[in-house]
Amino acid sequence: MASVEERIFELARENLDLGRDPDWDLTFGESDVSSMDVVAFVKLLDPEFGIEIPPDSLADVDNLRKLAKVVADLAG
């Protein structure tokens, strides 16, 4: 079974139109990912990991690394 990070990376590659592999540490803005695309991507993660990501847990999330930590913490 893929780790949370591996699966998020794979999903980002498939669903975020980056034109390259995702970078864990670039902010979504630096990666040219719109806020609407980030919201859609986060909603994709809920059923994928069997969790519900509360909006307040995303306040400081601005890149994939931070998002993966939130998901890993919730998925336990």
PDB file of N, CA and C in Angstrom:
ATOM      1  N   MET A   1       0.842  -1.191   0.000  1.00  0.00           N
ATOM      2  CA  MET A   1       0.000   0.000   0.000  1.00  0.00           C
ATOM      3  C   MET A   1       0.884   1.251   0.000  1.00  0.00           C
ATOM      4  N   ALA A   2       0.532   2.217  -0.817  1.00  0.00           N
ATOM      5  CA  ALA A   2       1.304   3.451  -0.933  1.00  0.00           C
ATOM      6  C   ALA A   2       1.144   4.296   0.328  1.00  0.00           C
ATOM      7  N   SER A   3       2.209   4.998   0.674  1.00  0.00           N
ATOM      8  CA  SER A   3       2.133   5.902   1.815  1.00  0.00           C
ATOM      9  C   SER A   3       1.253   7.100   1.451  1.00  0.00           C
ATOM     10  N   VAL A   4       0.862   7.842   2.461  1.00  0.00           N
ATOM     11  CA  VAL A   4       0.041   9.037   2.237  1.00  0.00           C
ATOM     12  C   VAL A   4       0.767   9.970   1.280  1.00  0.00           C
ATOM     13  N   GLU A   5       2.049  10.187   1.514  1.00  0.00           N
ATOM     14  CA  GLU A   5       2.817  11.101   0.680  1.00  0.00           C
ATOM     15  C   GLU A   5       2.882  10.614  -0.772  1.00  0.00           C
ATOM     16  N   GLU A   6       3.129   9.324  -0.956  1.00  0.00           N
ATOM     17  CA  GLU A   6       3.204   8.781  -2.313  1.00  0.00           C
ATOM     18  C   GLU A   6       1.881   8.934  -3.038  1.00  0.00           C
ATOM     19  N   ARG A   7       0.791   8.658  -2.334  1.00  0.00           N
ATOM     20  CA  ARG A   7      -0.529   8.753  -2.974  1.00  0.00           C
ATOM     21  C   ARG A   7      -0.880  10.200  -3.299  1.00  0.00           C
ATOM     22  N   ILE A   8      -0.581  11.125  -2.399  1.00  0.00           N
ATOM     23  CA  ILE A   8      -0.852  12.539  -2.665  1.00  0.00           C
ATOM     24  C   ILE A   8      -0.025  13.013  -3.864  1.00  0.00           C
ATOM     25  N   PHE A   9       1.237  12.596  -3.935  1.00  0.00           N
ATOM     26  CA  PHE A   9       2.089  12.956  -5.062  1.00  0.00           C
ATOM     27  C   PHE A   9       1.481  12.448  -6.369  1.00  0.00           C
ATOM     28  N   GLU A  10       1.036  11.197  -6.354  1.00  0.00           N
ATOM     29  CA  GLU A  10       0.418  10.601  -7.542  1.00  0.00           C
ATOM     30  C   GLU A  10      -0.857  11.337  -7.932  1.00  0.00           C
ATOM     31  N   LEU A  11      -1.690  11.647  -6.954  1.00  0.00           N
ATOM     32  CA  LEU A  11      -2.928  12.374  -7.227  1.00  0.00           C
ATOM     33  C   LEU A  11      -2.643  13.779  -7.739  1.00  0.00           C
ATOM     34  N   ALA A  12      -1.633  14.436  -7.181  1.00  0.00           N
ATOM     35  CA  ALA A  12      -1.265  15.775  -7.644  1.00  0.00           C
ATOM     36  C   ALA A  12      -0.790  15.714  -9.089  1.00  0.00           C
ATOM     37  N   ARG A  13       0.002  14.708  -9.408  1.00  0.00           N
ATOM     38  CA  ARG A  13       0.492  14.545 -10.774  1.00  0.00           C
ATOM     39  C   ARG A  13      -0.677  14.333 -11.744  1.00  0.00           C
ATOM     40  N   GLU A  14      -1.692  13.582 -11.300  1.00  0.00           N
ATOM     41  CA  GLU A  14      -2.834  13.273 -12.158  1.00  0.00           C
ATOM     42  C   GLU A  14      -3.861  14.405 -12.246  1.00  0.00           C
ATOM     43  N   ASN A  15      -3.985  15.211 -11.185  1.00  0.00           N
ATOM     44  CA  ASN A  15      -5.110  16.148 -11.104  1.00  0.00           C
ATOM     45  C   ASN A  15      -4.746  17.624 -11.132  1.00  0.00           C
ATOM     46  N   LEU A  16      -3.510  17.968 -10.866  1.00  0.00           N
ATOM     47  CA  LEU A  16      -3.099  19.369 -10.921  1.00  0.00           C
ATOM     48  C   LEU A  16      -2.331  19.567 -12.225  1.00  0.00           C
ATOM     49  N   ASP A  17      -2.761  20.489 -13.027  1.00  0.00           N
ATOM     50  CA  ASP A  17      -2.165  20.704 -14.342  1.00  0.00           C
ATOM     51  C   ASP A  17      -0.872  21.509 -14.194  1.00  0.00           C
ATOM     52  N   LEU A  18       0.207  20.823 -13.797  1.00  0.00           N
ATOM     53  CA  LEU A  18       1.472  21.504 -13.527  1.00  0.00           C
ATOM     54  C   LEU A  18       2.427  21.495 -14.718  1.00  0.00           C
ATOM     55  N   GLY A  19       2.288  20.525 -15.588  1.00  0.00           N
ATOM     56  CA  GLY A  19       3.211  20.400 -16.694  1.00  0.00           C
ATOM     57  C   GLY A  19       4.555  19.817 -16.281  1.00  0.00           C
ATOM     58  N   ARG A  20       4.641  19.347 -15.057  1.00  0.00           N
ATOM     59  CA  ARG A  20       5.856  18.734 -14.506  1.00  0.00           C
ATOM     60  C   ARG A  20       5.469  17.984 -13.244  1.00  0.00           C
ATOM     61  N   ASP A  21       6.422  17.264 -12.677  1.00  0.00           N
ATOM     62  CA  ASP A  21       6.137  16.611 -11.399  1.00  0.00           C
ATOM     63  C   ASP A  21       5.921  17.666 -10.318  1.00  0.00           C
ATOM     64  N   PRO A  22       5.036  17.393  -9.372  1.00  0.00           N
ATOM     65  CA  PRO A  22       4.801  18.329  -8.274  1.00  0.00           C
ATOM     66  C   PRO A  22       6.062  18.533  -7.437  1.00  0.00           C
ATOM     67  N   ASP A  23       6.188  19.715  -6.880  1.00  0.00           N
ATOM     68  CA  ASP A  23       7.287  20.034  -5.969  1.00  0.00           C
ATOM     69  C   ASP A  23       6.680  20.169  -4.576  1.00  0.00           C
ATOM     70  N   TRP A  24       7.186  19.381  -3.637  1.00  0.00           N
ATOM     71  CA  TRP A  24       6.632  19.350  -2.281  1.00  0.00           C
ATOM     72  C   TRP A  24       6.688  20.693  -1.578  1.00  0.00           C
ATOM     73  N   ASP A  25       7.706  21.499  -1.884  1.00  0.00           N
ATOM     74  CA  ASP A  25       7.958  22.692  -1.080  1.00  0.00           C
ATOM     75  C   ASP A  25       7.578  24.015  -1.729  1.00  0.00           C
ATOM     76  N   LEU A  26       7.290  24.006  -3.030  1.00  0.00           N
ATOM     77  CA  LEU A  26       6.794  25.235  -3.645  1.00  0.00           C
ATOM     78  C   LEU A  26       5.378  25.489  -3.156  1.00  0.00           C
ATOM     79  N   THR A  27       5.056  26.744  -2.937  1.00  0.00           N
ATOM     80  CA  THR A  27       3.676  27.048  -2.561  1.00  0.00           C
ATOM     81  C   THR A  27       2.789  26.787  -3.764  1.00  0.00           C
ATOM     82  N   PHE A  28       1.509  26.645  -3.496  1.00  0.00           N
ATOM     83  CA  PHE A  28       0.578  26.438  -4.597  1.00  0.00           C
ATOM     84  C   PHE A  28       0.638  27.614  -5.574  1.00  0.00           C
ATOM     85  N   GLY A  29       0.774  28.824  -5.053  1.00  0.00           N
ATOM     86  CA  GLY A  29       0.889  30.004  -5.913  1.00  0.00           C
ATOM     87  C   GLY A  29       2.128  29.960  -6.787  1.00  0.00           C
ATOM     88  N   GLU A  30       3.260  29.561  -6.204  1.00  0.00           N
ATOM     89  CA  GLU A  30       4.500  29.441  -6.978  1.00  0.00           C
ATOM     90  C   GLU A  30       4.382  28.360  -8.049  1.00  0.00           C
ATOM     91  N   SER A  31       3.526  27.379  -7.815  1.00  0.00           N
ATOM     92  CA  SER A  31       3.304  26.304  -8.777  1.00  0.00           C
ATOM     93  C   SER A  31       2.206  26.641  -9.777  1.00  0.00           C
ATOM     94  N   ASP A  32       1.678  27.866  -9.692  1.00  0.00           N
ATOM     95  CA  ASP A  32       0.587  28.318 -10.570  1.00  0.00           C
ATOM     96  C   ASP A  32      -0.675  27.483 -10.426  1.00  0.00           C
ATOM     97  N   VAL A  33      -0.953  27.041  -9.198  1.00  0.00           N
ATOM     98  CA  VAL A  33      -2.189  26.309  -8.902  1.00  0.00           C
ATOM     99  C   VAL A  33      -3.155  27.312  -8.279  1.00  0.00           C
ATOM    100  N   SER A  34      -4.299  27.492  -8.909  1.00  0.00           N
ATOM    101  CA  SER A  34      -5.273  28.460  -8.402  1.00  0.00           C
ATOM    102  C   SER A  34      -5.891  27.969  -7.095  1.00  0.00           C
ATOM    103  N   SER A  35      -6.451  28.897  -6.351  1.00  0.00           N
ATOM    104  CA  SER A  35      -7.096  28.525  -5.087  1.00  0.00           C
ATOM    105  C   SER A  35      -8.286  27.605  -5.345  1.00  0.00           C
ATOM    106  N   MET A  36      -8.962  27.791  -6.452  1.00  0.00           N
ATOM    107  CA  MET A  36     -10.092  26.910  -6.772  1.00  0.00           C
ATOM    108  C   MET A  36      -9.596  25.491  -7.063  1.00  0.00           C
ATOM    109  N   ASP A  37      -8.460  25.374  -7.731  1.00  0.00           N
ATOM    110  CA  ASP A  37      -7.895  24.051  -7.995  1.00  0.00           C
ATOM    111  C   ASP A  37      -7.423  23.388  -6.700  1.00  0.00           C
ATOM    112  N   VAL A  38      -6.903  24.175  -5.772  1.00  0.00           N
ATOM    113  CA  VAL A  38      -6.485  23.626  -4.479  1.00  0.00           C
ATOM    114  C   VAL A  38      -7.695  23.088  -3.729  1.00  0.00           C
ATOM    115  N   VAL A  39      -8.776  23.844  -3.712  1.00  0.00           N
ATOM    116  CA  VAL A  39     -10.000  23.403  -3.035  1.00  0.00           C
ATOM    117  C   VAL A  39     -10.516  22.106  -3.662  1.00  0.00           C
ATOM    118  N   ALA A  40     -10.543  22.043  -4.977  1.00  0.00           N
ATOM    119  CA  ALA A  40     -11.003  20.829  -5.658  1.00  0.00           C
ATOM    120  C   ALA A  40     -10.087  19.651  -5.334  1.00  0.00           C
ATOM    121  N   PHE A  41      -8.792  19.895  -5.267  1.00  0.00           N
ATOM    122  CA  PHE A  41      -7.839  18.833  -4.958  1.00  0.00           C
ATOM    123  C   PHE A  41      -8.033  18.326  -3.531  1.00  0.00           C
ATOM    124  N   VAL A  42      -8.213  19.234  -2.602  1.00  0.00           N
ATOM    125  CA  VAL A  42      -8.435  18.846  -1.200  1.00  0.00           C
ATOM    126  C   VAL A  42      -9.711  18.019  -1.082  1.00  0.00           C
ATOM    127  N   LYS A  43     -10.754  18.400  -1.788  1.00  0.00           N
ATOM    128  CA  LYS A  43     -12.013  17.634  -1.758  1.00  0.00           C
ATOM    129  C   LYS A  43     -11.825  16.229  -2.326  1.00  0.00           C
ATOM    130  N   LEU A  44     -10.918  16.082  -3.253  1.00  0.00           N
ATOM    131  CA  LEU A  44     -10.599  14.775  -3.829  1.00  0.00           C
ATOM    132  C   LEU A  44      -9.947  13.863  -2.785  1.00  0.00           C
ATOM    133  N   LEU A  45      -9.229  14.455  -1.836  1.00  0.00           N
ATOM    134  CA  LEU A  45      -8.507  13.671  -0.838  1.00  0.00           C
ATOM    135  C   LEU A  45      -9.420  13.060   0.215  1.00  0.00           C
ATOM    136  N   ASP A  46     -10.525  13.712   0.521  1.00  0.00           N
ATOM    137  CA  ASP A  46     -11.431  13.208   1.562  1.00  0.00           C
ATOM    138  C   ASP A  46     -11.845  11.757   1.306  1.00  0.00           C
ATOM    139  N   PRO A  47     -12.460  11.452   0.160  1.00  0.00           N
ATOM    140  CA  PRO A  47     -12.871  10.058  -0.057  1.00  0.00           C
ATOM    141  C   PRO A  47     -11.676   9.122  -0.303  1.00  0.00           C
ATOM    142  N   GLU A  48     -10.618   9.669  -0.862  1.00  0.00           N
ATOM    143  CA  GLU A  48      -9.440   8.844  -1.153  1.00  0.00           C
ATOM    144  C   GLU A  48      -8.843   8.251   0.123  1.00  0.00           C
ATOM    145  N   PHE A  49      -8.835   9.044   1.197  1.00  0.00           N
ATOM    146  CA  PHE A  49      -8.228   8.609   2.450  1.00  0.00           C
ATOM    147  C   PHE A  49      -9.256   8.296   3.530  1.00  0.00           C
ATOM    148  N   GLY A  50     -10.552   8.417   3.210  1.00  0.00           N
ATOM    149  CA  GLY A  50     -11.593   8.117   4.182  1.00  0.00           C
ATOM    150  C   GLY A  50     -11.593   9.085   5.358  1.00  0.00           C
ATOM    151  N   ILE A  51     -11.330  10.345   5.055  1.00  0.00           N
ATOM    152  CA  ILE A  51     -11.278  11.371   6.098  1.00  0.00           C
ATOM    153  C   ILE A  51     -12.130  12.549   5.679  1.00  0.00           C
ATOM    154  N   GLU A  52     -12.319  13.472   6.600  1.00  0.00           N
ATOM    155  CA  GLU A  52     -12.928  14.754   6.290  1.00  0.00           C
ATOM    156  C   GLU A  52     -11.983  15.826   6.798  1.00  0.00           C
ATOM    157  N   ILE A  53     -11.475  16.616   5.885  1.00  0.00           N
ATOM    158  CA  ILE A  53     -10.503  17.646   6.251  1.00  0.00           C
ATOM    159  C   ILE A  53     -11.268  18.905   6.636  1.00  0.00           C
ATOM    160  N   PRO A  54     -11.216  19.276   7.929  1.00  0.00           N
ATOM    161  CA  PRO A  54     -11.920  20.481   8.343  1.00  0.00           C
ATOM    162  C   PRO A  54     -11.214  21.724   7.779  1.00  0.00           C
ATOM    163  N   PRO A  55     -11.981  22.694   7.312  1.00  0.00           N
ATOM    164  CA  PRO A  55     -11.382  23.884   6.715  1.00  0.00           C
ATOM    165  C   PRO A  55     -10.366  24.588   7.617  1.00  0.00           C
ATOM    166  N   ASP A  56     -10.610  24.596   8.926  1.00  0.00           N
ATOM    167  CA  ASP A  56      -9.677  25.292   9.815  1.00  0.00           C
ATOM    168  C   ASP A  56      -8.313  24.613   9.887  1.00  0.00           C
ATOM    169  N   SER A  57      -8.227  23.340   9.537  1.00  0.00           N
ATOM    170  CA  SER A  57      -6.931  22.657   9.562  1.00  0.00           C
ATOM    171  C   SER A  57      -6.080  23.013   8.344  1.00  0.00           C
ATOM    172  N   LEU A  58      -6.670  23.734   7.389  1.00  0.00           N
ATOM    173  CA  LEU A  58      -5.955  24.115   6.170  1.00  0.00           C
ATOM    174  C   LEU A  58      -5.467  25.557   6.189  1.00  0.00           C
ATOM    175  N   ALA A  59      -5.668  26.252   7.309  1.00  0.00           N
ATOM    176  CA  ALA A  59      -5.330  27.670   7.380  1.00  0.00           C
ATOM    177  C   ALA A  59      -3.874  27.959   7.016  1.00  0.00           C
ATOM    178  N   ASP A  60      -2.941  27.133   7.441  1.00  0.00           N
ATOM    179  CA  ASP A  60      -1.523  27.370   7.179  1.00  0.00           C
ATOM    180  C   ASP A  60      -0.955  26.472   6.090  1.00  0.00           C
ATOM    181  N   VAL A  61      -1.810  25.772   5.384  1.00  0.00           N
ATOM    182  CA  VAL A  61      -1.359  24.844   4.344  1.00  0.00           C
ATOM    183  C   VAL A  61      -1.187  25.612   3.035  1.00  0.00           C
ATOM    184  N   ASP A  62       0.062  25.696   2.581  1.00  0.00           N
ATOM    185  CA  ASP A  62       0.319  26.408   1.331  1.00  0.00           C
ATOM    186  C   ASP A  62       1.157  25.600   0.340  1.00  0.00           C
ATOM    187  N   ASN A  63       1.430  24.336   0.691  1.00  0.00           N
ATOM    188  CA  ASN A  63       2.163  23.475  -0.246  1.00  0.00           C
ATOM    189  C   ASN A  63       1.786  22.013  -0.009  1.00  0.00           C
ATOM    190  N   LEU A  64       2.258  21.149  -0.891  1.00  0.00           N
ATOM    191  CA  LEU A  64       1.893  19.728  -0.792  1.00  0.00           C
ATOM    192  C   LEU A  64       2.442  19.065   0.462  1.00  0.00           C
ATOM    193  N   ARG A  65       3.628  19.448   0.912  1.00  0.00           N
ATOM    194  CA  ARG A  65       4.211  18.837   2.113  1.00  0.00           C
ATOM    195  C   ARG A  65       3.319  19.074   3.326  1.00  0.00           C
ATOM    196  N   LYS A  66       2.870  20.305   3.495  1.00  0.00           N
ATOM    197  CA  LYS A  66       1.992  20.626   4.629  1.00  0.00           C
ATOM    198  C   LYS A  66       0.638  19.924   4.494  1.00  0.00           C
ATOM    199  N   LEU A  67       0.145  19.861   3.276  1.00  0.00           N
ATOM    200  CA  LEU A  67      -1.130  19.162   3.040  1.00  0.00           C
ATOM    201  C   LEU A  67      -0.998  17.687   3.368  1.00  0.00           C
ATOM    202  N   ALA A  68       0.110  17.063   2.978  1.00  0.00           N
ATOM    203  CA  ALA A  68       0.330  15.649   3.263  1.00  0.00           C
ATOM    204  C   ALA A  68       0.389  15.402   4.766  1.00  0.00           C
ATOM    205  N   LYS A  69       0.965  16.328   5.517  1.00  0.00           N
ATOM    206  CA  LYS A  69       1.038  16.167   6.982  1.00  0.00           C
ATOM    207  C   LYS A  69      -0.367  16.216   7.588  1.00  0.00           C
ATOM    208  N   VAL A  70      -1.193  17.158   7.137  1.00  0.00           N
ATOM    209  CA  VAL A  70      -2.570  17.242   7.630  1.00  0.00           C
ATOM    210  C   VAL A  70      -3.314  15.942   7.338  1.00  0.00           C
ATOM    211  N   VAL A  71      -3.196  15.455   6.115  1.00  0.00           N
ATOM    212  CA  VAL A  71      -3.894  14.230   5.724  1.00  0.00           C
ATOM    213  C   VAL A  71      -3.379  13.050   6.538  1.00  0.00           C
ATOM    214  N   ALA A  72      -2.068  12.922   6.692  1.00  0.00           N
ATOM    215  CA  ALA A  72      -1.481  11.810   7.453  1.00  0.00           C
ATOM    216  C   ALA A  72      -1.958  11.854   8.903  1.00  0.00           C
ATOM    217  N   ASP A  73      -2.003  13.043   9.490  1.00  0.00           N
ATOM    218  CA  ASP A  73      -2.462  13.176  10.878  1.00  0.00           C
ATOM    219  C   ASP A  73      -3.919  12.752  11.015  1.00  0.00           C
ATOM    220  N   LEU A  74      -4.751  13.139  10.066  1.00  0.00           N
ATOM    221  CA  LEU A  74      -6.175  12.785  10.128  1.00  0.00           C
ATOM    222  C   LEU A  74      -6.421  11.310   9.816  1.00  0.00           C
ATOM    223  N   ALA A  75      -5.616  10.769   8.912  1.00  0.00           N
ATOM    224  CA  ALA A  75      -5.805   9.371   8.518  1.00  0.00           C
ATOM    225  C   ALA A  75      -5.267   8.408   9.564  1.00  0.00           C
ATOM    226  N   GLY A  76      -4.409   8.958  10.430  1.00  0.00           N
ATOM    227  CA  GLY A  76      -3.884   8.178  11.546  1.00  0.00           C
ATOM    228  C   GLY A  76      -3.083   7.024  11.113  1.00  0.00           C
TER     229      GLY A  76
END
